[in-house]
Structure formats: structure tokens, C-alpha cells
N, C-alpha and C. Protein backbone atom coordinates (compact mmCIF):
# COMPACT_ATOMS: atom_id res chain seq x y z
N MET A 1 -16.40 43.54 70.94
CA MET A 1 -17.69 42.91 70.76
C MET A 1 -18.53 43.17 72.01
N PRO A 2 -19.83 43.52 71.82
CA PRO A 2 -20.69 43.77 72.99
C PRO A 2 -20.94 42.48 73.77
N ASN A 3 -21.54 42.63 74.91
CA ASN A 3 -21.82 41.52 75.81
C ASN A 3 -23.12 40.81 75.43
N TYR A 4 -23.55 40.91 74.18
CA TYR A 4 -24.76 40.24 73.69
C TYR A 4 -24.66 40.09 72.18
N LEU A 5 -25.51 39.22 71.62
CA LEU A 5 -25.63 39.03 70.18
C LEU A 5 -27.11 39.13 69.84
N ILE A 6 -27.44 39.66 68.66
CA ILE A 6 -28.83 39.73 68.23
C ILE A 6 -28.88 39.46 66.73
N GLU A 7 -29.84 38.65 66.32
CA GLU A 7 -30.06 38.37 64.90
C GLU A 7 -31.56 38.30 64.65
N GLN A 8 -31.97 38.69 63.47
CA GLN A 8 -33.36 38.56 63.04
C GLN A 8 -33.47 37.20 62.33
N LEU A 9 -33.89 36.17 63.06
CA LEU A 9 -33.81 34.79 62.60
C LEU A 9 -34.55 34.56 61.28
N ASP A 10 -35.68 35.21 61.09
CA ASP A 10 -36.43 35.00 59.85
C ASP A 10 -35.77 35.67 58.64
N GLN A 11 -34.71 36.44 58.86
CA GLN A 11 -33.99 37.07 57.76
C GLN A 11 -32.61 36.46 57.52
N VAL A 12 -32.22 35.49 58.32
CA VAL A 12 -30.95 34.79 58.12
C VAL A 12 -31.13 33.88 56.90
N PRO A 13 -30.18 33.86 55.97
CA PRO A 13 -30.32 32.99 54.79
C PRO A 13 -30.43 31.52 55.19
N GLY A 14 -31.25 30.78 54.46
CA GLY A 14 -31.43 29.36 54.70
C GLY A 14 -30.25 28.55 54.18
N THR A 15 -29.94 27.47 54.89
CA THR A 15 -28.86 26.56 54.54
C THR A 15 -29.42 25.14 54.47
N PRO A 16 -29.11 24.36 53.42
CA PRO A 16 -29.57 22.97 53.41
C PRO A 16 -29.00 22.20 54.60
N CYS A 17 -29.82 21.31 55.16
CA CYS A 17 -29.41 20.48 56.29
C CYS A 17 -30.11 19.13 56.16
N PRO A 18 -29.75 18.13 56.97
CA PRO A 18 -30.40 16.83 56.86
C PRO A 18 -31.91 16.88 57.09
N CYS A 19 -32.39 17.92 57.77
CA CYS A 19 -33.83 18.02 58.07
C CYS A 19 -34.60 18.78 56.99
N GLY A 20 -33.92 19.60 56.21
CA GLY A 20 -34.58 20.43 55.21
C GLY A 20 -33.77 21.69 54.97
N THR A 21 -34.29 22.82 55.48
CA THR A 21 -33.60 24.10 55.37
C THR A 21 -33.55 24.76 56.74
N SER A 22 -32.36 25.21 57.12
CA SER A 22 -32.15 25.78 58.45
C SER A 22 -31.64 27.21 58.35
N ARG A 23 -32.22 28.09 59.15
CA ARG A 23 -31.72 29.47 59.31
C ARG A 23 -31.02 29.49 60.66
N ARG A 24 -29.68 29.60 60.63
CA ARG A 24 -28.86 29.42 61.83
C ARG A 24 -28.33 30.75 62.35
N ALA A 25 -28.59 31.03 63.61
CA ALA A 25 -28.10 32.26 64.24
C ALA A 25 -27.08 31.93 65.32
N PHE A 26 -26.13 32.79 65.46
CA PHE A 26 -25.10 32.75 66.50
C PHE A 26 -24.06 31.65 66.28
N CYS A 27 -23.91 31.18 65.05
CA CYS A 27 -22.89 30.17 64.71
C CYS A 27 -21.59 30.86 64.34
N ILE A 28 -20.92 31.36 65.34
CA ILE A 28 -19.65 32.07 65.11
C ILE A 28 -18.62 31.54 66.10
N PRO A 29 -17.34 31.59 65.74
CA PRO A 29 -16.30 31.05 66.63
C PRO A 29 -16.28 31.69 68.02
N GLU A 30 -16.68 32.94 68.13
CA GLU A 30 -16.67 33.63 69.42
C GLU A 30 -17.78 33.15 70.35
N ASN A 31 -18.70 32.31 69.84
CA ASN A 31 -19.82 31.82 70.64
C ASN A 31 -19.82 30.30 70.66
N PRO A 32 -19.16 29.67 71.62
CA PRO A 32 -19.14 28.20 71.68
C PRO A 32 -20.31 27.60 72.47
N VAL A 33 -21.20 28.44 73.02
CA VAL A 33 -22.19 27.96 73.99
C VAL A 33 -23.40 27.29 73.34
N ALA A 34 -24.11 27.98 72.46
CA ALA A 34 -25.34 27.46 71.85
C ALA A 34 -25.68 28.30 70.63
N SER A 35 -26.49 27.72 69.75
CA SER A 35 -27.01 28.49 68.62
C SER A 35 -28.51 28.21 68.55
N ILE A 36 -29.20 28.91 67.66
CA ILE A 36 -30.64 28.70 67.47
C ILE A 36 -30.91 28.65 65.98
N HIS A 37 -31.76 27.70 65.58
CA HIS A 37 -32.06 27.49 64.17
C HIS A 37 -33.56 27.47 63.96
N LEU A 38 -34.02 28.13 62.92
CA LEU A 38 -35.39 28.03 62.47
C LEU A 38 -35.35 27.07 61.30
N VAL A 39 -36.02 25.91 61.43
CA VAL A 39 -35.89 24.83 60.45
C VAL A 39 -37.23 24.53 59.79
N GLU A 40 -37.21 24.50 58.46
CA GLU A 40 -38.34 24.03 57.66
C GLU A 40 -38.04 22.56 57.35
N ILE A 41 -38.84 21.66 57.90
CA ILE A 41 -38.63 20.23 57.70
C ILE A 41 -39.10 19.85 56.29
N SER A 42 -38.28 19.07 55.60
CA SER A 42 -38.65 18.62 54.26
C SER A 42 -39.03 17.14 54.28
N GLN A 43 -39.69 16.69 53.24
CA GLN A 43 -40.07 15.28 53.12
C GLN A 43 -38.84 14.39 53.00
N GLU A 44 -37.70 14.96 52.61
CA GLU A 44 -36.47 14.19 52.42
C GLU A 44 -35.59 14.20 53.67
N ALA A 45 -36.14 14.55 54.82
CA ALA A 45 -35.33 14.60 56.05
C ALA A 45 -34.60 13.27 56.23
N ARG A 46 -33.35 13.37 56.63
CA ARG A 46 -32.46 12.21 56.68
C ARG A 46 -32.07 11.91 58.13
N THR A 47 -32.10 10.63 58.49
CA THR A 47 -31.71 10.22 59.84
C THR A 47 -30.22 10.52 60.04
N HIS A 48 -29.92 11.14 61.17
CA HIS A 48 -28.54 11.49 61.49
C HIS A 48 -28.38 11.54 63.01
N TYR A 49 -27.16 11.75 63.45
CA TYR A 49 -26.89 11.89 64.88
C TYR A 49 -25.67 12.75 65.08
N HIS A 50 -25.44 13.11 66.34
CA HIS A 50 -24.30 13.94 66.72
C HIS A 50 -23.57 13.25 67.86
N LYS A 51 -22.27 13.35 67.87
CA LYS A 51 -21.48 12.72 68.94
C LYS A 51 -21.29 13.66 70.14
N GLU A 52 -21.30 14.96 69.91
CA GLU A 52 -21.04 15.93 70.97
C GLU A 52 -22.26 16.78 71.32
N MET A 53 -23.07 17.07 70.35
CA MET A 53 -24.12 18.08 70.47
C MET A 53 -25.42 17.50 71.03
N THR A 54 -26.04 18.23 71.95
CA THR A 54 -27.41 18.00 72.40
C THR A 54 -28.26 18.99 71.63
N GLU A 55 -29.48 18.58 71.26
CA GLU A 55 -30.38 19.49 70.56
C GLU A 55 -31.72 19.55 71.29
N ILE A 56 -32.31 20.72 71.29
CA ILE A 56 -33.66 20.90 71.79
C ILE A 56 -34.51 21.34 70.61
N TYR A 57 -35.54 20.55 70.28
CA TYR A 57 -36.48 20.90 69.23
C TYR A 57 -37.75 21.45 69.87
N LEU A 58 -38.32 22.47 69.24
CA LEU A 58 -39.63 22.99 69.61
C LEU A 58 -40.43 23.09 68.33
N VAL A 59 -41.52 22.33 68.24
CA VAL A 59 -42.37 22.38 67.05
C VAL A 59 -43.20 23.67 67.11
N LEU A 60 -43.08 24.48 66.07
CA LEU A 60 -43.84 25.72 65.99
C LEU A 60 -45.13 25.55 65.20
N GLU A 61 -45.02 24.88 64.04
CA GLU A 61 -46.16 24.73 63.13
C GLU A 61 -46.13 23.33 62.53
N GLY A 62 -47.31 22.82 62.20
CA GLY A 62 -47.42 21.55 61.52
C GLY A 62 -47.53 20.38 62.48
N HIS A 63 -47.67 19.21 61.89
CA HIS A 63 -47.80 17.97 62.65
C HIS A 63 -46.97 16.91 61.96
N GLY A 64 -46.63 15.89 62.69
CA GLY A 64 -45.88 14.80 62.11
C GLY A 64 -45.34 13.91 63.21
N HIS A 65 -44.15 13.38 62.95
CA HIS A 65 -43.51 12.49 63.91
C HIS A 65 -42.04 12.84 64.02
N LEU A 66 -41.49 12.50 65.15
CA LEU A 66 -40.05 12.48 65.30
C LEU A 66 -39.65 11.03 65.43
N GLU A 67 -38.67 10.64 64.64
CA GLU A 67 -38.11 9.31 64.76
C GLU A 67 -36.88 9.44 65.64
N LEU A 68 -36.91 8.79 66.79
CA LEU A 68 -35.84 8.87 67.77
C LEU A 68 -35.37 7.45 68.08
N ASP A 69 -34.15 7.13 67.66
CA ASP A 69 -33.60 5.78 67.83
C ASP A 69 -34.59 4.72 67.34
N GLY A 70 -35.23 4.97 66.20
CA GLY A 70 -36.13 4.01 65.57
C GLY A 70 -37.57 4.06 66.06
N GLU A 71 -37.86 4.82 67.09
CA GLU A 71 -39.22 4.93 67.62
C GLU A 71 -39.90 6.18 67.04
N LEU A 72 -41.12 6.02 66.52
CA LEU A 72 -41.88 7.14 65.98
C LEU A 72 -42.77 7.73 67.07
N LEU A 73 -42.59 9.03 67.30
CA LEU A 73 -43.38 9.72 68.32
C LEU A 73 -44.13 10.87 67.66
N PRO A 74 -45.45 10.97 67.89
CA PRO A 74 -46.22 12.06 67.28
C PRO A 74 -45.84 13.40 67.91
N VAL A 75 -45.81 14.44 67.06
CA VAL A 75 -45.52 15.79 67.53
C VAL A 75 -46.51 16.77 66.92
N LYS A 76 -46.73 17.87 67.60
CA LYS A 76 -47.62 18.93 67.15
C LYS A 76 -47.08 20.24 67.71
N PRO A 77 -47.67 21.38 67.37
CA PRO A 77 -47.17 22.65 67.88
C PRO A 77 -47.03 22.66 69.41
N MET A 78 -45.92 23.17 69.86
CA MET A 78 -45.50 23.31 71.25
C MET A 78 -44.97 22.02 71.85
N THR A 79 -44.82 20.94 71.04
CA THR A 79 -44.10 19.76 71.52
C THR A 79 -42.63 20.12 71.57
N SER A 80 -41.96 19.81 72.67
CA SER A 80 -40.52 20.05 72.78
C SER A 80 -39.83 18.73 73.08
N ILE A 81 -38.65 18.56 72.49
CA ILE A 81 -37.91 17.32 72.57
C ILE A 81 -36.45 17.64 72.85
N LEU A 82 -35.84 16.95 73.80
CA LEU A 82 -34.41 17.07 74.05
C LEU A 82 -33.75 15.83 73.46
N ILE A 83 -32.83 16.02 72.52
CA ILE A 83 -32.17 14.93 71.81
C ILE A 83 -30.72 14.88 72.26
N LYS A 84 -30.35 13.80 72.92
CA LYS A 84 -29.00 13.66 73.46
C LYS A 84 -28.02 13.19 72.39
N PRO A 85 -26.72 13.41 72.61
CA PRO A 85 -25.72 12.90 71.67
C PRO A 85 -25.88 11.39 71.47
N GLY A 86 -25.72 10.95 70.22
CA GLY A 86 -25.82 9.54 69.88
C GLY A 86 -27.21 9.09 69.48
N CYS A 87 -28.25 9.88 69.74
CA CYS A 87 -29.61 9.52 69.37
C CYS A 87 -29.82 9.74 67.87
N ARG A 88 -30.12 8.66 67.16
CA ARG A 88 -30.44 8.78 65.73
C ARG A 88 -31.81 9.43 65.63
N HIS A 89 -31.91 10.48 64.81
CA HIS A 89 -33.16 11.22 64.76
C HIS A 89 -33.43 11.83 63.39
N ARG A 90 -34.72 12.03 63.14
CA ARG A 90 -35.20 12.79 61.99
C ARG A 90 -36.65 13.16 62.24
N ALA A 91 -37.06 14.24 61.63
CA ALA A 91 -38.44 14.69 61.69
C ALA A 91 -39.15 14.20 60.43
N ILE A 92 -40.40 13.79 60.58
CA ILE A 92 -41.19 13.30 59.47
C ILE A 92 -42.49 14.08 59.44
N GLY A 93 -42.74 14.75 58.33
CA GLY A 93 -43.96 15.54 58.19
C GLY A 93 -43.61 16.96 57.80
N GLU A 94 -44.63 17.75 57.54
CA GLU A 94 -44.42 19.16 57.22
C GLU A 94 -44.49 19.95 58.51
N MET A 95 -43.34 20.48 58.90
CA MET A 95 -43.25 21.20 60.16
C MET A 95 -42.27 22.35 60.06
N ARG A 96 -42.43 23.27 60.95
CA ARG A 96 -41.46 24.34 61.18
C ARG A 96 -41.09 24.23 62.64
N ILE A 97 -39.78 24.15 62.91
CA ILE A 97 -39.33 23.96 64.29
C ILE A 97 -38.25 24.98 64.64
N ILE A 98 -38.07 25.16 65.92
CA ILE A 98 -36.89 25.83 66.46
C ILE A 98 -35.98 24.71 66.96
N ASN A 99 -34.70 24.80 66.64
CA ASN A 99 -33.71 23.84 67.12
C ASN A 99 -32.64 24.64 67.86
N ILE A 100 -32.34 24.22 69.07
CA ILE A 100 -31.30 24.86 69.87
C ILE A 100 -30.19 23.84 70.10
N PRO A 101 -29.10 23.90 69.31
CA PRO A 101 -27.96 23.01 69.53
C PRO A 101 -27.07 23.53 70.66
N ILE A 102 -26.63 22.59 71.50
CA ILE A 102 -25.74 22.89 72.62
C ILE A 102 -24.62 21.87 72.61
N PRO A 103 -23.37 22.25 72.45
CA PRO A 103 -22.85 23.59 72.20
C PRO A 103 -23.25 24.07 70.79
N THR A 104 -22.75 25.23 70.41
CA THR A 104 -23.06 25.83 69.12
C THR A 104 -22.89 24.80 68.01
N PHE A 105 -23.81 24.85 67.04
CA PHE A 105 -23.80 23.91 65.93
C PHE A 105 -22.44 23.85 65.25
N ASP A 106 -22.00 22.62 64.98
CA ASP A 106 -20.76 22.37 64.25
C ASP A 106 -21.06 21.32 63.19
N PRO A 107 -20.98 21.67 61.90
CA PRO A 107 -21.31 20.70 60.85
C PRO A 107 -20.42 19.46 60.87
N ALA A 108 -19.25 19.53 61.48
CA ALA A 108 -18.39 18.36 61.58
C ALA A 108 -18.93 17.32 62.57
N ASP A 109 -19.93 17.69 63.37
CA ASP A 109 -20.53 16.78 64.35
C ASP A 109 -21.88 16.28 63.84
N GLU A 110 -21.97 15.99 62.56
CA GLU A 110 -23.19 15.49 61.93
C GLU A 110 -22.83 14.17 61.24
N TYR A 111 -23.45 13.07 61.66
CA TYR A 111 -23.06 11.74 61.20
C TYR A 111 -24.27 10.98 60.68
N PHE A 112 -23.99 10.07 59.74
CA PHE A 112 -25.02 9.25 59.10
C PHE A 112 -24.57 7.80 59.13
N ASP A 113 -25.45 6.90 59.54
CA ASP A 113 -25.09 5.48 59.59
C ASP A 113 -24.78 4.92 58.21
N ASP A 114 -25.47 5.42 57.17
CA ASP A 114 -25.24 4.90 55.82
C ASP A 114 -23.97 5.46 55.18
N ASP A 115 -23.38 6.48 55.78
CA ASP A 115 -22.14 7.07 55.27
C ASP A 115 -21.45 7.78 56.43
N PRO A 116 -20.89 7.03 57.41
CA PRO A 116 -20.40 7.63 58.66
C PRO A 116 -19.26 8.62 58.50
N ASP A 117 -18.56 8.61 57.37
CA ASP A 117 -17.45 9.55 57.19
C ASP A 117 -17.87 10.83 56.49
N LEU A 118 -19.15 10.96 56.16
CA LEU A 118 -19.62 12.11 55.39
C LEU A 118 -20.32 13.11 56.29
N SER A 119 -19.79 14.30 56.37
CA SER A 119 -20.50 15.40 57.02
C SER A 119 -21.47 15.95 55.99
N PHE A 120 -22.67 16.40 56.42
CA PHE A 120 -23.70 16.87 55.49
C PHE A 120 -23.19 18.00 54.62
N SER A 121 -22.33 18.83 55.12
CA SER A 121 -21.88 20.01 54.38
C SER A 121 -20.86 19.67 53.31
N VAL A 122 -20.41 18.43 53.25
CA VAL A 122 -19.41 18.02 52.25
C VAL A 122 -20.12 17.22 51.17
N PRO A 123 -20.21 17.72 49.92
CA PRO A 123 -20.92 16.97 48.88
C PRO A 123 -20.16 15.71 48.48
N LYS A 124 -20.91 14.68 48.08
CA LYS A 124 -20.31 13.45 47.57
C LYS A 124 -19.67 13.73 46.23
N SER A 125 -18.52 13.07 45.96
CA SER A 125 -17.89 13.27 44.65
C SER A 125 -18.11 12.07 43.77
């Protein structure tokens, strides 16, 4: 493997996530450091948190709010937010963001207060 990774983020297939739809790059076992996601925020964005992961959001397009531990904060293009582990969060509004999870995104580190044992990637039966 070369000493670098490259992906065309706008061509990575979208994956459903608590925020809407995410295009995730560099989510491979050989890369434990960080990943980058292009996220289309949906109206159904769901409050969630992570126990291990820190996230950096950068709003690219649109306006709305970020709900962080119950507090609503207005956001617009070029607003950047660092979300620490344990912070309950969701985006509200029509937005396109870049999300940088540190370490690399792990769906097992996605938790919901209304269903703490359910990872988003596991459908309810």
C-alpha cells in the first residue's frame, strides 16, 4: 500500500446515517487515524453521540442549527464545530457539511439515548 490514500469524495456512494446521507472516505481497517465524510443533512436528523470519537463539522452550504447537548446554535457556511465524545448532537436544517471523525469512523461508536443498545447500522427487528 502506498504512503497515501486518495478518494473522490463526491463519487463515493452515499450511506444512510443519523444525520441524513454520508459519503465516507478512508474508512478502512488500515487507517485508524481519521476519515472524512460529505454529509447531506436531512430533516429527520437524529440526536446521537459517540463514546470514543471526536468530530469536526464544517458547514459548506445551507443554514440551520446544531443542537449540542440541548443547546441550539445557529450555523451557516464556513461555521466549524468540534464535537467531543459524549456530546449529544444533531444538525437541524438543510445543509451540506464536511465531517472529520477522529479516530476513523466506527459505526459501533454511535449511540442514541432513546435506544442505547442500537447502533445506527443495525436495523430494528
